[in-house]
Amino acid sequence: MSPARSLVQLYFDLIYNPAFDLTVARTTPYRRLHRECLDKLNLKDGDSVVCIGVGTGNEVAELLGRNRYLDIVGIDTSSMALQRARKKAEKMGKRIATLMMDAQSL
């Protein structure tokens, strides 16, 4: 990993992700947008979802709040964000798979 990429990674792990969960992720417009987007998916028990750029797992928590019988894979370049996403899912009684990778590598 290049030095520039390492610095970006540190910024997301140590500053952006924690701050995002404490600020933007708690706002009404952000939560409304999540609900509106996920309403369009019409997911059923056993469906699989790949969350590209899963971040800290706010979408995962919303999905599992609607249907805990989904198979979810979260993809992100931040190991700390993936750890937070896994913890959010585990708090809801579900384990999710996570992959640390750039979505361009799919």
PDB file of N, CA and C in Angstrom:
ATOM      1  N   MET A   1       0.842  -1.165   0.000  1.00  0.00           N
ATOM      2  CA  MET A   1       0.000   0.000   0.000  1.00  0.00           C
ATOM      3  C   MET A   1       0.894   1.238   0.000  1.00  0.00           C
ATOM      4  N   SER A   2       0.534   2.199  -0.826  1.00  0.00           N
ATOM      5  CA  SER A   2       1.326   3.416  -0.929  1.00  0.00           C
ATOM      6  C   SER A   2       1.200   4.253   0.346  1.00  0.00           C
ATOM      7  N   PRO A   3       2.181   5.123   0.618  1.00  0.00           N
ATOM      8  CA  PRO A   3       2.093   5.988   1.797  1.00  0.00           C
ATOM      9  C   PRO A   3       0.831   6.862   1.781  1.00  0.00           C
ATOM     10  N   ALA A   4       0.468   7.363   0.611  1.00  0.00           N
ATOM     11  CA  ALA A   4      -0.734   8.202   0.520  1.00  0.00           C
ATOM     12  C   ALA A   4      -1.973   7.392   0.878  1.00  0.00           C
ATOM     13  N   ARG A   5      -2.064   6.173   0.359  1.00  0.00           N
ATOM     14  CA  ARG A   5      -3.211   5.305   0.659  1.00  0.00           C
ATOM     15  C   ARG A   5      -3.249   4.955   2.152  1.00  0.00           C
ATOM     16  N   SER A   6      -2.094   4.750   2.748  1.00  0.00           N
ATOM     17  CA  SER A   6      -2.022   4.456   4.179  1.00  0.00           C
ATOM     18  C   SER A   6      -2.552   5.623   5.011  1.00  0.00           C
ATOM     19  N   LEU A   7      -2.210   6.845   4.600  1.00  0.00           N
ATOM     20  CA  LEU A   7      -2.715   8.020   5.316  1.00  0.00           C
ATOM     21  C   LEU A   7      -4.228   8.146   5.184  1.00  0.00           C
ATOM     22  N   VAL A   8      -4.740   7.888   4.010  1.00  0.00           N
ATOM     23  CA  VAL A   8      -6.190   7.931   3.798  1.00  0.00           C
ATOM     24  C   VAL A   8      -6.864   6.885   4.675  1.00  0.00           C
ATOM     25  N   GLN A   9      -6.287   5.705   4.714  1.00  0.00           N
ATOM     26  CA  GLN A   9      -6.836   4.623   5.533  1.00  0.00           C
ATOM     27  C   GLN A   9      -6.866   5.026   7.008  1.00  0.00           C
ATOM     28  N   LEU A  10      -5.784   5.596   7.509  1.00  0.00           N
ATOM     29  CA  LEU A  10      -5.736   6.053   8.899  1.00  0.00           C
ATOM     30  C   LEU A  10      -6.796   7.112   9.181  1.00  0.00           C
ATOM     31  N   TYR A  11      -6.963   8.035   8.257  1.00  0.00           N
ATOM     32  CA  TYR A  11      -7.976   9.076   8.424  1.00  0.00           C
ATOM     33  C   TYR A  11      -9.371   8.456   8.569  1.00  0.00           C
ATOM     34  N   PHE A  12      -9.714   7.533   7.677  1.00  0.00           N
ATOM     35  CA  PHE A  12     -11.037   6.909   7.751  1.00  0.00           C
ATOM     36  C   PHE A  12     -11.188   6.086   9.027  1.00  0.00           C
ATOM     37  N   ASP A  13     -10.172   5.331   9.386  1.00  0.00           N
ATOM     38  CA  ASP A  13     -10.257   4.472  10.572  1.00  0.00           C
ATOM     39  C   ASP A  13     -10.341   5.259  11.871  1.00  0.00           C
ATOM     40  N   LEU A  14      -9.542   6.315  11.988  1.00  0.00           N
ATOM     41  CA  LEU A  14      -9.425   7.004  13.268  1.00  0.00           C
ATOM     42  C   LEU A  14     -10.290   8.256  13.417  1.00  0.00           C
ATOM     43  N   ILE A  15     -10.671   8.874  12.305  1.00  0.00           N
ATOM     44  CA  ILE A  15     -11.407  10.134  12.406  1.00  0.00           C
ATOM     45  C   ILE A  15     -12.797  10.045  11.759  1.00  0.00           C
ATOM     46  N   TYR A  16     -12.824   9.754  10.470  1.00  0.00           N
ATOM     47  CA  TYR A  16     -14.084   9.838   9.724  1.00  0.00           C
ATOM     48  C   TYR A  16     -15.149   8.865  10.236  1.00  0.00           C
ATOM     49  N   ASN A  17     -14.838   7.574  10.317  1.00  0.00           N
ATOM     50  CA  ASN A  17     -15.854   6.581  10.698  1.00  0.00           C
ATOM     51  C   ASN A  17     -16.452   6.842  12.084  1.00  0.00           C
ATOM     52  N   PRO A  18     -15.633   7.063  13.111  1.00  0.00           N
ATOM     53  CA  PRO A  18     -16.230   7.347  14.426  1.00  0.00           C
ATOM     54  C   PRO A  18     -17.064   8.634  14.421  1.00  0.00           C
ATOM     55  N   ALA A  19     -16.565   9.670  13.764  1.00  0.00           N
ATOM     56  CA  ALA A  19     -17.297  10.940  13.719  1.00  0.00           C
ATOM     57  C   ALA A  19     -18.604  10.799  12.944  1.00  0.00           C
ATOM     58  N   PHE A  20     -18.588  10.046  11.867  1.00  0.00           N
ATOM     59  CA  PHE A  20     -19.789   9.857  11.047  1.00  0.00           C
ATOM     60  C   PHE A  20     -20.903   9.216  11.860  1.00  0.00           C
ATOM     61  N   ASP A  21     -20.583   8.167  12.609  1.00  0.00           N
ATOM     62  CA  ASP A  21     -21.597   7.486  13.414  1.00  0.00           C
ATOM     63  C   ASP A  21     -22.168   8.393  14.501  1.00  0.00           C
ATOM     64  N   LEU A  22     -21.381   9.331  14.990  1.00  0.00           N
ATOM     65  CA  LEU A  22     -21.847  10.221  16.052  1.00  0.00           C
ATOM     66  C   LEU A  22     -22.554  11.468  15.526  1.00  0.00           C
ATOM     67  N   THR A  23     -22.476  11.709  14.226  1.00  0.00           N
ATOM     68  CA  THR A  23     -23.065  12.929  13.674  1.00  0.00           C
ATOM     69  C   THR A  23     -24.056  12.610  12.571  1.00  0.00           C
ATOM     70  N   VAL A  24     -23.598  12.537  11.359  1.00  0.00           N
ATOM     71  CA  VAL A  24     -24.464  12.382  10.187  1.00  0.00           C
ATOM     72  C   VAL A  24     -25.395  11.176  10.293  1.00  0.00           C
ATOM     73  N   ALA A  25     -24.889  10.052  10.741  1.00  0.00           N
ATOM     74  CA  ALA A  25     -25.687   8.828  10.791  1.00  0.00           C
ATOM     75  C   ALA A  25     -26.875   8.930  11.735  1.00  0.00           C
ATOM     76  N   ARG A  26     -26.875   9.915  12.593  1.00  0.00           N
ATOM     77  CA  ARG A  26     -27.977  10.081  13.551  1.00  0.00           C
ATOM     78  C   ARG A  26     -29.025  11.088  13.087  1.00  0.00           C
ATOM     79  N   THR A  27     -28.802  11.707  11.948  1.00  0.00           N
ATOM     80  CA  THR A  27     -29.734  12.746  11.504  1.00  0.00           C
ATOM     81  C   THR A  27     -30.972  12.150  10.856  1.00  0.00           C
ATOM     82  N   THR A  28     -32.060  12.880  10.956  1.00  0.00           N
ATOM     83  CA  THR A  28     -33.327  12.432  10.380  1.00  0.00           C
ATOM     84  C   THR A  28     -33.245  12.288   8.856  1.00  0.00           C
ATOM     85  N   PRO A  29     -32.666  13.244   8.121  1.00  0.00           N
ATOM     86  CA  PRO A  29     -32.593  13.063   6.661  1.00  0.00           C
ATOM     87  C   PRO A  29     -31.810  11.815   6.247  1.00  0.00           C
ATOM     88  N   TYR A  30     -30.717  11.536   6.946  1.00  0.00           N
ATOM     89  CA  TYR A  30     -29.912  10.345   6.635  1.00  0.00           C
ATOM     90  C   TYR A  30     -30.731   9.081   6.865  1.00  0.00           C
ATOM     91  N   ARG A  31     -31.402   9.006   7.984  1.00  0.00           N
ATOM     92  CA  ARG A  31     -32.208   7.821   8.309  1.00  0.00           C
ATOM     93  C   ARG A  31     -33.386   7.679   7.354  1.00  0.00           C
ATOM     94  N   ARG A  32     -33.992   8.795   6.987  1.00  0.00           N
ATOM     95  CA  ARG A  32     -35.101   8.763   6.027  1.00  0.00           C
ATOM     96  C   ARG A  32     -34.619   8.225   4.679  1.00  0.00           C
ATOM     97  N   LEU A  33     -33.468   8.677   4.225  1.00  0.00           N
ATOM     98  CA  LEU A  33     -32.915   8.202   2.961  1.00  0.00           C
ATOM     99  C   LEU A  33     -32.685   6.696   3.001  1.00  0.00           C
ATOM    100  N   HIS A  34     -32.133   6.199   4.107  1.00  0.00           N
ATOM    101  CA  HIS A  34     -31.950   4.746   4.257  1.00  0.00           C
ATOM    102  C   HIS A  34     -33.271   4.011   4.096  1.00  0.00           C
ATOM    103  N   ARG A  35     -34.268   4.458   4.825  1.00  0.00           N
ATOM    104  CA  ARG A  35     -35.572   3.794   4.769  1.00  0.00           C
ATOM    105  C   ARG A  35     -36.135   3.807   3.358  1.00  0.00           C
ATOM    106  N   GLU A  36     -36.077   4.951   2.689  1.00  0.00           N
ATOM    107  CA  GLU A  36     -36.627   5.069   1.341  1.00  0.00           C
ATOM    108  C   GLU A  36     -35.901   4.151   0.356  1.00  0.00           C
ATOM    109  N   CYS A  37     -34.594   4.093   0.445  1.00  0.00           N
ATOM    110  CA  CYS A  37     -33.817   3.226  -0.458  1.00  0.00           C
ATOM    111  C   CYS A  37     -34.105   1.755  -0.184  1.00  0.00           C
ATOM    112  N   LEU A  38     -34.107   1.375   1.083  1.00  0.00           N
ATOM    113  CA  LEU A  38     -34.317  -0.029   1.417  1.00  0.00           C
ATOM    114  C   LEU A  38     -35.752  -0.473   1.162  1.00  0.00           C
ATOM    115  N   ASP A  39     -36.704   0.450   1.236  1.00  0.00           N
ATOM    116  CA  ASP A  39     -38.095   0.112   0.905  1.00  0.00           C
ATOM    117  C   ASP A  39     -38.209  -0.419  -0.521  1.00  0.00           C
ATOM    118  N   LYS A  40     -37.372   0.075  -1.397  1.00  0.00           N
ATOM    119  CA  LYS A  40     -37.432  -0.312  -2.811  1.00  0.00           C
ATOM    120  C   LYS A  40     -36.905  -1.728  -3.069  1.00  0.00           C
ATOM    121  N   LEU A  41     -36.165  -2.285  -2.124  1.00  0.00           N
ATOM    122  CA  LEU A  41     -35.554  -3.601  -2.333  1.00  0.00           C
ATOM    123  C   LEU A  41     -36.529  -4.761  -2.165  1.00  0.00           C
ATOM    124  N   ASN A  42     -37.534  -4.622  -1.298  1.00  0.00           N
ATOM    125  CA  ASN A  42     -38.527  -5.680  -1.095  1.00  0.00           C
ATOM    126  C   ASN A  42     -37.865  -7.037  -0.837  1.00  0.00           C
ATOM    127  N   LEU A  43     -36.987  -7.095   0.150  1.00  0.00           N
ATOM    128  CA  LEU A  43     -36.237  -8.310   0.460  1.00  0.00           C
ATOM    129  C   LEU A  43     -37.077  -9.304   1.249  1.00  0.00           C
ATOM    130  N   LYS A  44     -36.803 -10.574   1.003  1.00  0.00           N
ATOM    131  CA  LYS A  44     -37.515 -11.661   1.677  1.00  0.00           C
ATOM    132  C   LYS A  44     -36.528 -12.544   2.432  1.00  0.00           C
ATOM    133  N   ASP A  45     -37.045 -13.362   3.342  1.00  0.00           N
ATOM    134  CA  ASP A  45     -36.210 -14.305   4.092  1.00  0.00           C
ATOM    135  C   ASP A  45     -35.300 -15.082   3.142  1.00  0.00           C
ATOM    136  N   GLY A  46     -34.031 -15.184   3.509  1.00  0.00           N
ATOM    137  CA  GLY A  46     -33.081 -15.964   2.727  1.00  0.00           C
ATOM    138  C   GLY A  46     -32.428 -15.210   1.587  1.00  0.00           C
ATOM    139  N   ASP A  47     -32.895 -13.985   1.292  1.00  0.00           N
ATOM    140  CA  ASP A  47     -32.264 -13.203   0.231  1.00  0.00           C
ATOM    141  C   ASP A  47     -30.843 -12.827   0.639  1.00  0.00           C
ATOM    142  N   SER A  48     -29.999 -12.616  -0.354  1.00  0.00           N
ATOM    143  CA  SER A  48     -28.615 -12.217  -0.123  1.00  0.00           C
ATOM    144  C   SER A  48     -28.429 -10.765  -0.547  1.00  0.00           C
ATOM    145  N   VAL A  49     -27.634 -10.044   0.234  1.00  0.00           N
ATOM    146  CA  VAL A  49     -27.354  -8.638  -0.037  1.00  0.00           C
ATOM    147  C   VAL A  49     -25.860  -8.425   0.061  1.00  0.00           C
ATOM    148  N   VAL A  50     -25.299  -7.738  -0.928  1.00  0.00           N
ATOM    149  CA  VAL A  50     -23.903  -7.320  -0.863  1.00  0.00           C
ATOM    150  C   VAL A  50     -23.909  -5.811  -0.686  1.00  0.00           C
ATOM    151  N   CYS A  51     -23.360  -5.343   0.417  1.00  0.00           N
ATOM    152  CA  CYS A  51     -23.267  -3.908   0.701  1.00  0.00           C
ATOM    153  C   CYS A  51     -21.863  -3.445   0.328  1.00  0.00           C
ATOM    154  N   ILE A  52     -21.753  -2.794  -0.805  1.00  0.00           N
ATOM    155  CA  ILE A  52     -20.463  -2.296  -1.269  1.00  0.00           C
ATOM    156  C   ILE A  52     -20.248  -0.919  -0.655  1.00  0.00           C
ATOM    157  N   GLY A  53     -19.129  -0.764   0.023  1.00  0.00           N
ATOM    158  CA  GLY A  53     -18.886   0.461   0.776  1.00  0.00           C
ATOM    159  C   GLY A  53     -19.752   0.473   2.020  1.00  0.00           C
ATOM    160  N   VAL A  54     -19.771  -0.659   2.710  1.00  0.00           N
ATOM    161  CA  VAL A  54     -20.656  -0.836   3.865  1.00  0.00           C
ATOM    162  C   VAL A  54     -20.362   0.139   4.995  1.00  0.00           C
ATOM    163  N   GLY A  55     -19.165   0.686   5.023  1.00  0.00           N
ATOM    164  CA  GLY A  55     -18.827   1.620   6.088  1.00  0.00           C
ATOM    165  C   GLY A  55     -18.991   0.968   7.445  1.00  0.00           C
ATOM    166  N   THR A  56     -19.577   1.700   8.367  1.00  0.00           N
ATOM    167  CA  THR A  56     -19.708   1.195   9.728  1.00  0.00           C
ATOM    168  C   THR A  56     -20.969   0.366   9.945  1.00  0.00           C
ATOM    169  N   GLY A  57     -21.693   0.079   8.878  1.00  0.00           N
ATOM    170  CA  GLY A  57     -22.807  -0.867   8.976  1.00  0.00           C
ATOM    171  C   GLY A  57     -24.174  -0.292   9.273  1.00  0.00           C
ATOM    172  N   ASN A  58     -24.384   0.977   9.009  1.00  0.00           N
ATOM    173  CA  ASN A  58     -25.703   1.545   9.266  1.00  0.00           C
ATOM    174  C   ASN A  58     -26.775   0.907   8.386  1.00  0.00           C
ATOM    175  N   GLU A  59     -26.450   0.626   7.132  1.00  0.00           N
ATOM    176  CA  GLU A  59     -27.398  -0.051   6.251  1.00  0.00           C
ATOM    177  C   GLU A  59     -27.664  -1.473   6.739  1.00  0.00           C
ATOM    178  N   VAL A  60     -26.623  -2.114   7.225  1.00  0.00           N
ATOM    179  CA  VAL A  60     -26.766  -3.476   7.752  1.00  0.00           C
ATOM    180  C   VAL A  60     -27.747  -3.484   8.919  1.00  0.00           C
ATOM    181  N   ALA A  61     -27.600  -2.534   9.830  1.00  0.00           N
ATOM    182  CA  ALA A  61     -28.494  -2.461  10.985  1.00  0.00           C
ATOM    183  C   ALA A  61     -29.935  -2.224  10.539  1.00  0.00           C
ATOM    184  N   GLU A  62     -30.118  -1.350   9.575  1.00  0.00           N
ATOM    185  CA  GLU A  62     -31.468  -1.079   9.061  1.00  0.00           C
ATOM    186  C   GLU A  62     -32.050  -2.315   8.382  1.00  0.00           C
ATOM    187  N   LEU A  63     -31.240  -2.994   7.578  1.00  0.00           N
ATOM    188  CA  LEU A  63     -31.702  -4.225   6.918  1.00  0.00           C
ATOM    189  C   LEU A  63     -32.100  -5.291   7.933  1.00  0.00           C
ATOM    190  N   LEU A  64     -31.253  -5.505   8.926  1.00  0.00           N
ATOM    191  CA  LEU A  64     -31.529  -6.545   9.915  1.00  0.00           C
ATOM    192  C   LEU A  64     -32.691  -6.173  10.827  1.00  0.00           C
ATOM    193  N   GLY A  65     -32.922  -4.884  10.999  1.00  0.00           N
ATOM    194  CA  GLY A  65     -34.085  -4.444  11.749  1.00  0.00           C
ATOM    195  C   GLY A  65     -35.378  -4.779  11.033  1.00  0.00           C
ATOM    196  N   ARG A  66     -35.295  -4.897   9.727  1.00  0.00           N
ATOM    197  CA  ARG A  66     -36.457  -5.248   8.916  1.00  0.00           C
ATOM    198  C   ARG A  66     -36.594  -6.758   8.743  1.00  0.00           C
ATOM    199  N   ASN A  67     -35.459  -7.430   8.586  1.00  0.00           N
ATOM    200  CA  ASN A  67     -35.487  -8.865   8.312  1.00  0.00           C
ATOM    201  C   ASN A  67     -34.161  -9.480   8.736  1.00  0.00           C
ATOM    202  N   ARG A  68     -34.174 -10.205   9.835  1.00  0.00           N
ATOM    203  CA  ARG A  68     -32.926 -10.794  10.341  1.00  0.00           C
ATOM    204  C   ARG A  68     -32.531 -12.061   9.588  1.00  0.00           C
ATOM    205  N   TYR A  69     -33.351 -12.497   8.641  1.00  0.00           N
ATOM    206  CA  TYR A  69     -33.069 -13.729   7.908  1.00  0.00           C
ATOM    207  C   TYR A  69     -32.458 -13.453   6.538  1.00  0.00           C
ATOM    208  N   LEU A  70     -31.669 -12.415   6.458  1.00  0.00           N
ATOM    209  CA  LEU A  70     -30.945 -12.085   5.232  1.00  0.00           C
ATOM    210  C   LEU A  70     -29.506 -12.557   5.361  1.00  0.00           C
ATOM    211  N   ASP A  71     -28.910 -12.898   4.250  1.00  0.00           N
ATOM    212  CA  ASP A  71     -27.474 -13.193   4.201  1.00  0.00           C
ATOM    213  C   ASP A  71     -26.797 -11.933   3.674  1.00  0.00           C
ATOM    214  N   ILE A  72     -25.938 -11.354   4.499  1.00  0.00           N
ATOM    215  CA  ILE A  72     -25.328 -10.069   4.150  1.00  0.00           C
ATOM    216  C   ILE A  72     -23.814 -10.197   4.089  1.00  0.00           C
ATOM    217  N   VAL A  73     -23.247  -9.624   3.030  1.00  0.00           N
ATOM    218  CA  VAL A  73     -21.800  -9.503   2.890  1.00  0.00           C
ATOM    219  C   VAL A  73     -21.501  -8.012   2.791  1.00  0.00           C
ATOM    220  N   GLY A  74     -20.606  -7.527   3.644  1.00  0.00           N
ATOM    221  CA  GLY A  74     -20.198  -6.132   3.614  1.00  0.00           C
ATOM    222  C   GLY A  74     -18.797  -6.006   3.049  1.00  0.00           C
ATOM    223  N   ILE A  75     -18.627  -5.082   2.125  1.00  0.00           N
ATOM    224  CA  ILE A  75     -17.323  -4.844   1.502  1.00  0.00           C
ATOM    225  C   ILE A  75     -16.913  -3.407   1.775  1.00  0.00           C
ATOM    226  N   ASP A  76     -15.684  -3.223   2.228  1.00  0.00           N
ATOM    227  CA  ASP A  76     -15.161  -1.880   2.464  1.00  0.00           C
ATOM    228  C   ASP A  76     -13.638  -1.961   2.467  1.00  0.00           C
ATOM    229  N   THR A  77     -13.003  -0.814   2.314  1.00  0.00           N
ATOM    230  CA  THR A  77     -11.535  -0.777   2.355  1.00  0.00           C
ATOM    231  C   THR A  77     -11.013  -0.497   3.759  1.00  0.00           C
ATOM    232  N   SER A  78     -11.903  -0.231   4.695  1.00  0.00           N
ATOM    233  CA  SER A  78     -11.506   0.105   6.063  1.00  0.00           C
ATOM    234  C   SER A  78     -11.766  -1.061   7.008  1.00  0.00           C
ATOM    235  N   SER A  79     -10.702  -1.580   7.595  1.00  0.00           N
ATOM    236  CA  SER A  79     -10.859  -2.691   8.534  1.00  0.00           C
ATOM    237  C   SER A  79     -11.640  -2.265   9.774  1.00  0.00           C
ATOM    238  N   MET A  80     -11.433  -1.034  10.229  1.00  0.00           N
ATOM    239  CA  MET A  80     -12.155  -0.558  11.406  1.00  0.00           C
ATOM    240  C   MET A  80     -13.649  -0.403  11.101  1.00  0.00           C
ATOM    241  N   ALA A  81     -13.979   0.074   9.906  1.00  0.00           N
ATOM    242  CA  ALA A  81     -15.389   0.194   9.528  1.00  0.00           C
ATOM    243  C   ALA A  81     -16.036  -1.187   9.481  1.00  0.00           C
ATOM    244  N   LEU A  82     -15.347  -2.152   8.916  1.00  0.00           N
ATOM    245  CA  LEU A  82     -15.891  -3.512   8.854  1.00  0.00           C
ATOM    246  C   LEU A  82     -16.090  -4.095  10.249  1.00  0.00           C
ATOM    247  N   GLN A  83     -15.175  -3.811  11.139  1.00  0.00           N
ATOM    248  CA  GLN A  83     -15.311  -4.277  12.518  1.00  0.00           C
ATOM    249  C   GLN A  83     -16.565  -3.674  13.155  1.00  0.00           C
ATOM    250  N   ARG A  84     -16.807  -2.386  12.930  1.00  0.00           N
ATOM    251  CA  ARG A  84     -18.002  -1.733  13.463  1.00  0.00           C
ATOM    252  C   ARG A  84     -19.263  -2.337  12.845  1.00  0.00           C
ATOM    253  N   ALA A  85     -19.222  -2.621  11.550  1.00  0.00           N
ATOM    254  CA  ALA A  85     -20.384  -3.216  10.886  1.00  0.00           C
ATOM    255  C   ALA A  85     -20.695  -4.587  11.475  1.00  0.00           C
ATOM    256  N   ARG A  86     -19.659  -5.381  11.696  1.00  0.00           N
ATOM    257  CA  ARG A  86     -19.870  -6.710  12.296  1.00  0.00           C
ATOM    258  C   ARG A  86     -20.472  -6.589  13.694  1.00  0.00           C
ATOM    259  N   LYS A  87     -19.978  -5.633  14.477  1.00  0.00           N
ATOM    260  CA  LYS A  87     -20.489  -5.449  15.843  1.00  0.00           C
ATOM    261  C   LYS A  87     -21.953  -5.020  15.835  1.00  0.00           C
ATOM    262  N   LYS A  88     -22.321  -4.153  14.913  1.00  0.00           N
ATOM    263  CA  LYS A  88     -23.724  -3.732  14.822  1.00  0.00           C
ATOM    264  C   LYS A  88     -24.620  -4.918  14.492  1.00  0.00           C
ATOM    265  N   ALA A  89     -24.164  -5.763  13.576  1.00  0.00           N
ATOM    266  CA  ALA A  89     -24.949  -6.948  13.224  1.00  0.00           C
ATOM    267  C   ALA A  89     -25.045  -7.901  14.414  1.00  0.00           C
ATOM    268  N   GLU A  90     -23.936  -8.106  15.103  1.00  0.00           N
ATOM    269  CA  GLU A  90     -23.927  -9.019  16.256  1.00  0.00           C
ATOM    270  C   GLU A  90     -24.844  -8.523  17.374  1.00  0.00           C
ATOM    271  N   LYS A  91     -24.944  -7.209  17.560  1.00  0.00           N
ATOM    272  CA  LYS A  91     -25.870  -6.657  18.551  1.00  0.00           C
ATOM    273  C   LYS A  91     -27.311  -7.008  18.200  1.00  0.00           C
ATOM    274  N   MET A  92     -27.554  -7.243  16.922  1.00  0.00           N
ATOM    275  CA  MET A  92     -28.892  -7.602  16.472  1.00  0.00           C
ATOM    276  C   MET A  92     -29.060  -9.110  16.360  1.00  0.00           C
ATOM    277  N   GLY A  93     -28.062  -9.851  16.857  1.00  0.00           N
ATOM    278  CA  GLY A  93     -28.152 -11.305  16.873  1.00  0.00           C
ATOM    279  C   GLY A  93     -27.827 -11.985  15.564  1.00  0.00           C
ATOM    280  N   LYS A  94     -27.074 -11.323  14.707  1.00  0.00           N
ATOM    281  CA  LYS A  94     -26.768 -11.877  13.385  1.00  0.00           C
ATOM    282  C   LYS A  94     -25.291 -11.696  13.075  1.00  0.00           C
ATOM    283  N   ARG A  95     -24.714 -12.678  12.413  1.00  0.00           N
ATOM    284  CA  ARG A  95     -23.335 -12.563  11.926  1.00  0.00           C
ATOM    285  C   ARG A  95     -23.387 -12.267  10.437  1.00  0.00           C
ATOM    286  N   ILE A  96     -22.521 -11.362  10.020  1.00  0.00           N
ATOM    287  CA  ILE A  96     -22.421 -11.062   8.595  1.00  0.00           C
ATOM    288  C   ILE A  96     -21.005 -11.352   8.137  1.00  0.00           C
ATOM    289  N   ALA A  97     -20.870 -11.626   6.868  1.00  0.00           N
ATOM    290  CA  ALA A  97     -19.544 -11.812   6.275  1.00  0.00           C
ATOM    291  C   ALA A  97     -19.026 -10.444   5.851  1.00  0.00           C
ATOM    292  N   THR A  98     -17.725 -10.234   5.994  1.00  0.00           N
ATOM    293  CA  THR A  98     -17.128  -8.977   5.556  1.00  0.00           C
ATOM    294  C   THR A  98     -15.860  -9.268   4.768  1.00  0.00           C
ATOM    295  N   LEU A  99     -15.607  -8.404   3.805  1.00  0.00           N
ATOM    296  CA  LEU A  99     -14.395  -8.503   2.984  1.00  0.00           C
ATOM    297  C   LEU A  99     -13.735  -7.144   2.916  1.00  0.00           C
ATOM    298  N   MET A 100     -12.466  -7.092   3.285  1.00  0.00           N
ATOM    299  CA  MET A 100     -11.724  -5.844   3.152  1.00  0.00           C
ATOM    300  C   MET A 100     -11.119  -5.820   1.759  1.00  0.00           C
ATOM    301  N   MET A 101     -11.726  -4.981   0.915  1.00  0.00           N
ATOM    302  CA  MET A 101     -11.259  -4.891  -0.464  1.00  0.00           C
ATOM    303  C   MET A 101     -11.846  -3.648  -1.118  1.00  0.00           C
ATOM    304  N   ASP A 102     -11.263  -3.264  -2.209  1.00  0.00           N
ATOM    305  CA  ASP A 102     -11.778  -2.188  -3.039  1.00  0.00           C
ATOM    306  C   ASP A 102     -12.804  -2.802  -3.985  1.00  0.00           C
ATOM    307  N   ALA A 103     -13.954  -2.197  -4.107  1.00  0.00           N
ATOM    308  CA  ALA A 103     -15.018  -2.735  -4.951  1.00  0.00           C
ATOM    309  C   ALA A 103     -14.570  -2.867  -6.407  1.00  0.00           C
ATOM    310  N   GLN A 104     -13.577  -2.104  -6.818  1.00  0.00           N
ATOM    311  CA  GLN A 104     -13.062  -2.208  -8.184  1.00  0.00           C
ATOM    312  C   GLN A 104     -12.439  -3.587  -8.444  1.00  0.00           C
ATOM    313  N   SER A 105     -12.130  -4.304  -7.363  1.00  0.00           N
ATOM    314  CA  SER A 105     -11.517  -5.624  -7.502  1.00  0.00           C
ATOM    315  C   SER A 105     -12.546  -6.739  -7.692  1.00  0.00           C
ATOM    316  N   LEU A 106     -13.813  -6.407  -7.627  1.00  0.00           N
ATOM    317  CA  LEU A 106     -14.846  -7.444  -7.767  1.00  0.00           C
ATOM    318  C   LEU A 106     -14.759  -8.104  -9.106  1.00  0.00           C
TER     319      LEU A 106
END
